[in-house]
C-alpha cells in the first residue's frame, strides 16, 4: 500500500513509518517541518503540511491508499500565547476528525488513528482533564466517519518508549543524562505511582496489524508492561550502570505532576485484551530492551 504517516518526523510516527516500510509498503511522511538531517527518516519522501491549519490539499492526499495519523497534540504543542483548553479543542477535538474527513474525501480507504489510552484505561480523569477529553473526542470523531468505503480505527497507546536511528528525542536524552548522574545536584529519585508503558516497536507492530487485520470503527487499547515509576526510571539507571533510584513523594523535575493525569501516587495499570493483542500481533515485555537501546544511543562516550 501507499501509506501516508502524518506526524512521521517524530518518534512514534517515524518508527511506524520505518516499520511499515520494512514490511514492503510505500511510505511518505508528513509534518510541518522535514525530518532531522542525518536521521533514517530523512531518506523517506516528505510532504509538508499542518493538519491543524487544514492546509493539506485534496490532490496531495489523493495519491495514498492508507493513512496513519500520529500527530495528536499534547502539552508540548500548546503555543505560548494560546489557552491550553482552547488548543486541545482546536487541534484534537475538531482538527483530527476534520483531517480524517479530508482523507476520506480524497479517496483514502484505510486509516489508523494513534490515540491516547486515557479514555479507555482511566475514564475517571476525563471530567478533570480537558486534554484527555480532547483525545477522546478526536478518537470518537475520526471513527464516526467509518463507512464501507472508509475503514478507520484507533490504536490507543499508553506512555511510549522508543528511538529512531539518528533522531534525537530530548526527553529520552535527558533521562539518560539524569541516570548517568550528569544533572547533579538534581536528586536521583522516582515519584510514587506508575502507569502502563509500550515500546515504539510494539506500537508500530500494532499499527501494522490494525492496517492489515483491524475492524473498522474499533478503538483498540494497546499496552505492554505495568511499571511503577521507580521501575521505569530504574531501567534507565541500570542501563547506565547505576542502582535504581528511591521513591520520594514529591514532584519530579523530569516527570512533573502536570504529566500525571491520575495524580502523583496513583497508578493506571491494565492488561490489554488478549484477543485484540493477538489480532494486532505486537510483541510484549519489550521495555527493558528498548531502554537499553535508548541509553546506548544517548550515553555519554568516555
Protein backbone atom coordinates (compact mmCIF):
# COMPACT_ATOMS: atom_id res chain seq x y z
CA UNK A 1 0.00 0.00 0.00
CA UNK A 2 0.94 3.63 -0.44
CA UNK A 3 0.80 4.94 3.12
CA UNK A 4 0.97 8.49 4.44
CA UNK A 5 2.15 8.85 8.04
CA UNK A 6 1.17 12.22 9.48
CA UNK A 7 3.45 13.10 12.36
CA UNK A 8 6.05 10.97 10.61
CA UNK A 9 9.05 13.06 11.63
CA UNK A 10 8.50 12.31 15.33
CA UNK A 11 9.47 9.24 17.31
CA UNK A 12 6.10 7.43 17.22
CA UNK A 13 5.14 8.22 13.64
CA UNK A 14 8.70 7.91 12.39
CA UNK A 15 9.17 4.49 13.95
CA UNK A 16 5.86 3.36 12.48
CA UNK A 17 6.85 4.64 9.04
CA UNK A 18 10.16 2.78 9.07
CA UNK A 19 8.49 -0.40 10.31
CA UNK A 20 5.79 -0.25 7.62
CA UNK A 21 8.47 0.37 5.00
CA UNK A 22 10.32 -2.72 6.23
CA UNK A 23 7.14 -4.71 5.54
CA UNK A 24 7.21 -3.63 1.89
CA UNK A 25 4.84 -0.67 1.90
CA UNK A 26 5.46 2.58 0.01
CA UNK A 27 5.87 5.26 2.70
CA UNK A 28 5.62 9.04 2.75
CA UNK A 29 5.90 11.03 5.95
CA UNK A 30 4.13 14.33 6.58
CA UNK A 31 4.71 17.07 9.13
CA UNK A 32 5.14 20.81 9.41
CA UNK A 33 8.92 20.54 9.09
CA UNK A 34 11.16 17.99 7.33
CA UNK A 35 12.80 15.13 9.17
CA UNK A 36 16.05 15.79 11.00
CA UNK A 37 19.03 15.71 8.67
CA UNK A 38 21.04 12.54 9.10
CA UNK A 39 18.15 10.56 10.57
CA UNK A 40 16.75 7.47 8.92
CA UNK A 41 13.53 9.44 8.35
CA UNK A 42 15.31 11.94 6.09
CA UNK A 43 15.55 9.19 3.46
CA UNK A 44 11.74 8.93 3.16
CA UNK A 45 9.60 11.05 0.81
CA UNK A 46 8.26 14.08 2.66
CA UNK A 47 5.01 16.06 2.40
CA UNK A 48 4.88 19.41 4.21
CA UNK A 49 1.58 20.27 5.90
CA UNK A 50 -0.18 21.22 9.11
CA UNK A 51 -3.42 19.36 9.78
CA UNK A 52 -4.43 21.92 12.44
CA UNK A 53 -4.18 24.69 9.85
CA UNK A 54 -6.12 22.47 7.43
CA UNK A 55 -3.61 23.08 4.63
CA UNK A 56 -3.29 19.58 3.12
CA UNK A 57 -4.91 19.65 -0.31
CA UNK A 58 -7.19 17.02 -1.81
CA UNK A 59 -4.65 16.46 -4.56
CA UNK A 60 -1.86 15.80 -2.05
CA UNK A 61 -3.93 13.24 -0.15
CA UNK A 62 -5.48 11.53 -3.14
CA UNK A 63 -2.38 9.53 -4.05
CA UNK A 64 -2.48 7.36 -0.92
CA UNK A 65 -4.24 4.11 -0.08
CA UNK A 66 -3.86 4.41 3.68
CA UNK A 67 -3.29 6.94 6.43
CA UNK A 68 -1.55 6.57 9.78
CA UNK A 69 -2.21 9.60 11.95
CA UNK A 70 0.39 10.03 14.73
CA UNK A 71 0.19 13.79 15.23
CA UNK A 72 -2.29 14.19 18.08
CA UNK A 73 -1.32 17.25 20.13
CA UNK A 74 -0.16 17.15 23.76
CA UNK A 75 1.37 19.65 26.18
CA UNK A 76 4.47 20.04 24.01
CA UNK A 77 2.41 21.57 21.21
CA UNK A 78 0.46 24.31 23.02
CA UNK A 79 1.55 27.74 21.71
CA UNK A 80 2.82 30.05 24.43
CA UNK A 81 0.18 32.66 23.63
CA UNK A 82 -2.82 30.28 23.48
CA UNK A 83 -5.08 28.91 26.19
CA UNK A 84 -4.38 25.19 26.55
CA UNK A 85 -8.05 24.16 26.75
CA UNK A 86 -8.84 26.09 23.57
CA UNK A 87 -5.86 24.49 21.84
CA UNK A 88 -6.99 20.96 22.73
CA UNK A 89 -10.39 21.65 21.18
CA UNK A 90 -8.95 23.23 18.04
CA UNK A 91 -6.15 20.72 17.44
CA UNK A 92 -7.59 17.46 18.72
CA UNK A 93 -11.36 17.54 19.15
CA UNK A 94 -12.01 19.43 15.91
CA UNK A 95 -8.80 19.21 13.90
CA UNK A 96 -8.36 15.44 13.87
CA UNK A 97 -11.89 14.46 12.68
CA UNK A 98 -11.74 17.25 10.08
CA UNK A 99 -8.47 15.84 8.73
CA UNK A 100 -9.85 12.30 8.62
CA UNK A 101 -12.86 13.61 6.68
CA UNK A 102 -10.47 15.24 4.20
CA UNK A 103 -8.58 11.96 3.84
CA UNK A 104 -11.85 10.10 3.19
CA UNK A 105 -12.99 12.68 0.65
CA UNK A 106 -9.63 12.39 -1.15
CA UNK A 107 -10.16 8.66 -1.64
CA UNK A 108 -8.01 7.17 1.12
CA UNK A 109 -9.59 3.83 2.01
CA UNK A 110 -7.83 2.77 5.23
CA UNK A 111 -6.91 4.92 8.25
CA UNK A 112 -5.43 4.34 11.70
CA UNK A 113 -5.56 7.00 14.38
CA UNK A 114 -2.83 6.67 17.01
CA UNK A 115 -4.71 7.84 20.07
CA UNK A 116 -4.40 8.02 23.83
CA UNK A 117 -5.12 5.34 26.41
CA UNK A 118 -6.77 7.67 28.93
CA UNK A 119 -10.39 7.44 27.70
CA UNK A 120 -10.37 3.64 27.93
CA UNK A 121 -7.85 2.89 30.68
CA UNK A 122 -8.63 5.82 33.01
CA UNK A 123 -12.03 7.32 32.13
CA UNK A 124 -12.21 8.86 35.61
CA UNK A 125 -9.69 11.53 34.52
CA UNK A 126 -11.97 12.82 31.74
CA UNK A 127 -14.04 15.23 33.90
CA UNK A 128 -10.92 16.98 35.21
CA UNK A 129 -8.67 16.86 32.13
CA UNK A 130 -9.55 18.84 29.03
CA UNK A 131 -6.58 17.20 27.32
CA UNK A 132 -7.89 13.67 27.92
CA UNK A 133 -11.38 14.74 26.81
CA UNK A 134 -9.97 16.18 23.60
CA UNK A 135 -8.22 12.90 22.82
CA UNK A 136 -11.48 11.02 23.33
CA UNK A 137 -13.30 13.46 21.04
CA UNK A 138 -10.63 13.08 18.36
CA UNK A 139 -10.89 9.29 18.56
CA UNK A 140 -14.69 9.24 18.54
CA UNK A 141 -14.87 11.83 15.78
CA UNK A 142 -12.46 10.02 13.48
CA UNK A 143 -14.14 6.63 13.92
CA UNK A 144 -17.60 8.14 13.39
CA UNK A 145 -16.56 8.62 9.74
CA UNK A 146 -16.24 4.86 9.18
CA UNK A 147 -18.15 3.52 6.20
CA UNK A 148 -17.87 0.63 3.72
CA UNK A 149 -15.61 2.89 1.64
CA UNK A 150 -13.56 4.24 4.55
CA UNK A 151 -12.12 1.76 7.06
CA UNK A 152 -10.97 3.70 10.11
CA UNK A 153 -9.93 2.59 13.59
CA UNK A 154 -7.86 3.78 16.53
CA UNK A 155 -4.85 2.23 18.23
CA UNK A 156 -4.81 3.87 21.66
CA UNK A 157 -1.46 3.73 23.41
CA UNK A 158 -0.09 4.44 26.90
CA UNK A 159 3.32 6.05 27.55
CA UNK A 160 5.53 5.21 24.55
CA UNK A 161 9.26 4.49 24.90
CA UNK A 162 11.49 4.23 21.87
CA UNK A 163 14.12 5.53 19.49
CA UNK A 164 14.64 6.13 15.79
CA UNK A 165 18.14 5.98 14.26
CA UNK A 166 19.58 9.48 14.01
CA UNK A 167 16.59 11.19 15.64
CA UNK A 168 17.22 12.99 18.93
CA UNK A 169 14.28 12.72 21.33
CA UNK A 170 15.03 15.34 24.01
CA UNK A 171 13.07 13.57 26.75
CA UNK A 172 14.97 10.30 26.43
CA UNK A 173 18.28 12.07 26.01
CA UNK A 174 17.56 13.89 29.27
CA UNK A 175 16.52 10.67 31.06
CA UNK A 176 19.84 9.12 30.03
CA UNK A 177 21.85 12.10 31.28
CA UNK A 178 19.86 12.02 34.53
CA UNK A 179 20.57 8.32 35.01
CA UNK A 180 24.26 8.95 34.38
CA UNK A 181 24.28 11.49 37.21
CA UNK A 182 25.06 14.41 34.92
CA UNK A 183 22.23 16.58 36.24
CA UNK A 184 23.65 16.86 39.77
CA UNK A 185 22.71 18.33 42.20
CA UNK A 186 19.27 17.20 40.99
CA UNK A 187 18.44 14.33 43.36
CA UNK A 188 18.03 10.82 41.98
CA UNK A 189 14.54 9.58 42.82
CA UNK A 190 11.24 8.44 41.37
CA UNK A 191 7.75 9.65 42.29
CA UNK A 192 5.23 7.16 43.68
CA UNK A 193 2.70 5.56 41.35
CA UNK A 194 3.02 4.09 37.91
CA UNK A 195 1.48 3.55 34.51
CA UNK A 196 1.40 1.20 31.56
CA UNK A 197 4.20 1.56 29.01
CA UNK A 198 4.65 0.30 25.47
CA UNK A 199 7.70 0.34 23.21
CA UNK A 200 7.66 2.12 19.87
CA UNK A 201 8.44 -1.24 18.29
CA UNK A 202 5.36 -2.87 19.85
CA UNK A 203 3.20 0.10 18.87
CA UNK A 204 4.49 0.04 15.28
CA UNK A 205 3.63 -3.65 15.07
CA UNK A 206 0.14 -2.91 16.43
CA UNK A 207 -0.36 -0.17 13.83
CA UNK A 208 0.70 -2.52 11.04
CA UNK A 209 -1.59 -5.20 12.45
CA UNK A 210 -4.51 -2.76 12.54
CA UNK A 211 -3.97 -1.81 8.91
CA UNK A 212 -3.92 -5.46 7.91
CA UNK A 213 -6.44 -7.08 10.25
CA UNK A 214 -8.26 -4.37 12.24
CA UNK A 215 -12.02 -3.93 12.25
CA UNK A 216 -13.43 -0.58 11.20
CA UNK A 217 -14.83 1.73 13.91
CA UNK A 218 -13.00 -0.09 16.71
CA UNK A 219 -10.77 1.57 19.30
CA UNK A 220 -8.01 -0.88 20.21
CA UNK A 221 -6.46 -0.27 23.65
CA UNK A 222 -2.87 -1.48 23.42
CA UNK A 223 -0.24 -1.74 26.13
CA UNK A 224 2.70 -3.78 27.30
CA UNK A 225 4.08 -3.51 30.83
CA UNK A 226 2.63 -2.05 34.02
CA UNK A 227 5.59 -0.36 35.73
CA UNK A 228 5.96 1.80 38.79
CA UNK A 229 7.84 5.00 38.06
CA UNK A 230 10.63 3.57 40.17
CA UNK A 231 10.73 0.53 37.84
CA UNK A 232 10.68 2.83 34.81
CA UNK A 233 13.47 5.14 35.92
CA UNK A 234 15.25 2.05 37.25
CA UNK A 235 15.57 0.69 33.71
CA UNK A 236 17.45 3.85 32.68
CA UNK A 237 19.64 3.84 35.80
CA UNK A 238 20.55 0.17 35.44
CA UNK A 239 21.31 0.60 31.73
CA UNK A 240 23.66 3.43 32.75
CA UNK A 241 25.33 1.19 35.34
CA UNK A 242 23.60 2.67 38.40
CA UNK A 243 21.21 1.39 41.07
CA UNK A 244 17.51 2.10 40.72
CA UNK A 245 16.57 5.39 42.46
CA UNK A 246 14.48 5.51 45.64
CA UNK A 247 10.84 6.65 45.74
CA UNK A 248 10.28 10.15 47.13
CA UNK A 249 6.78 11.60 47.30
CA UNK A 250 7.46 14.98 45.72
CA UNK A 251 7.12 16.49 42.27
CA UNK A 252 9.75 15.13 39.92
CA UNK A 253 11.59 17.59 37.65
CA UNK A 254 11.74 15.02 34.85
CA UNK A 255 8.14 13.84 35.26
CA UNK A 256 6.11 16.79 36.60
CA UNK A 257 2.74 16.41 38.25
CA UNK A 258 1.08 18.05 35.23
CA UNK A 259 2.04 14.98 33.20
CA UNK A 260 0.47 12.59 35.72
CA UNK A 261 -3.22 12.94 34.93
CA UNK A 262 -4.19 10.33 37.51
CA UNK A 263 -2.30 12.26 40.18
CA UNK A 264 1.05 11.62 41.81
CA UNK A 265 0.98 8.39 43.80
CA UNK A 266 -1.77 6.83 41.69
CA UNK A 267 -1.33 4.18 39.02
CA UNK A 268 -3.00 3.40 35.70
CA UNK A 269 -2.44 -0.32 35.29
CA UNK A 270 -4.34 -2.60 32.93
CA UNK A 271 -3.95 -5.66 30.75
CA UNK A 272 -4.85 -5.29 27.07
CA UNK A 273 -7.48 -7.64 25.71
CA UNK A 274 -5.64 -10.85 24.76
CA UNK A 275 -7.73 -11.40 21.63
CA UNK A 276 -7.06 -7.86 20.41
CA UNK A 277 -3.35 -8.17 21.17
CA UNK A 278 -3.23 -11.41 19.18
CA UNK A 279 -5.17 -9.83 16.29
CA UNK A 280 -2.80 -6.86 16.08
CA UNK A 281 0.23 -9.10 16.60
CA UNK A 282 2.51 -6.89 18.67
CA UNK A 283 5.30 -8.04 20.95
CA UNK A 284 5.20 -7.85 24.76
CA UNK A 285 7.79 -7.42 27.53
CA UNK A 286 9.84 -5.06 25.39
CA UNK A 287 10.56 -2.13 27.71
CA UNK A 288 13.93 -3.23 29.14
CA UNK A 289 15.30 -3.94 25.65
CA UNK A 290 14.05 -0.60 24.41
CA UNK A 291 15.54 1.39 27.29
CA UNK A 292 18.87 -0.34 26.74
CA UNK A 293 18.67 0.78 23.11
CA UNK A 294 17.85 4.36 24.13
CA UNK A 295 20.66 4.62 26.67
CA UNK A 296 23.11 3.15 24.16
CA UNK A 297 22.13 5.92 21.72
CA UNK A 298 22.47 8.83 24.15
CA UNK A 299 25.02 7.69 26.71
CA UNK A 300 28.00 9.97 27.14
CA UNK A 301 31.00 8.49 25.42
CA UNK A 302 34.18 8.39 27.50
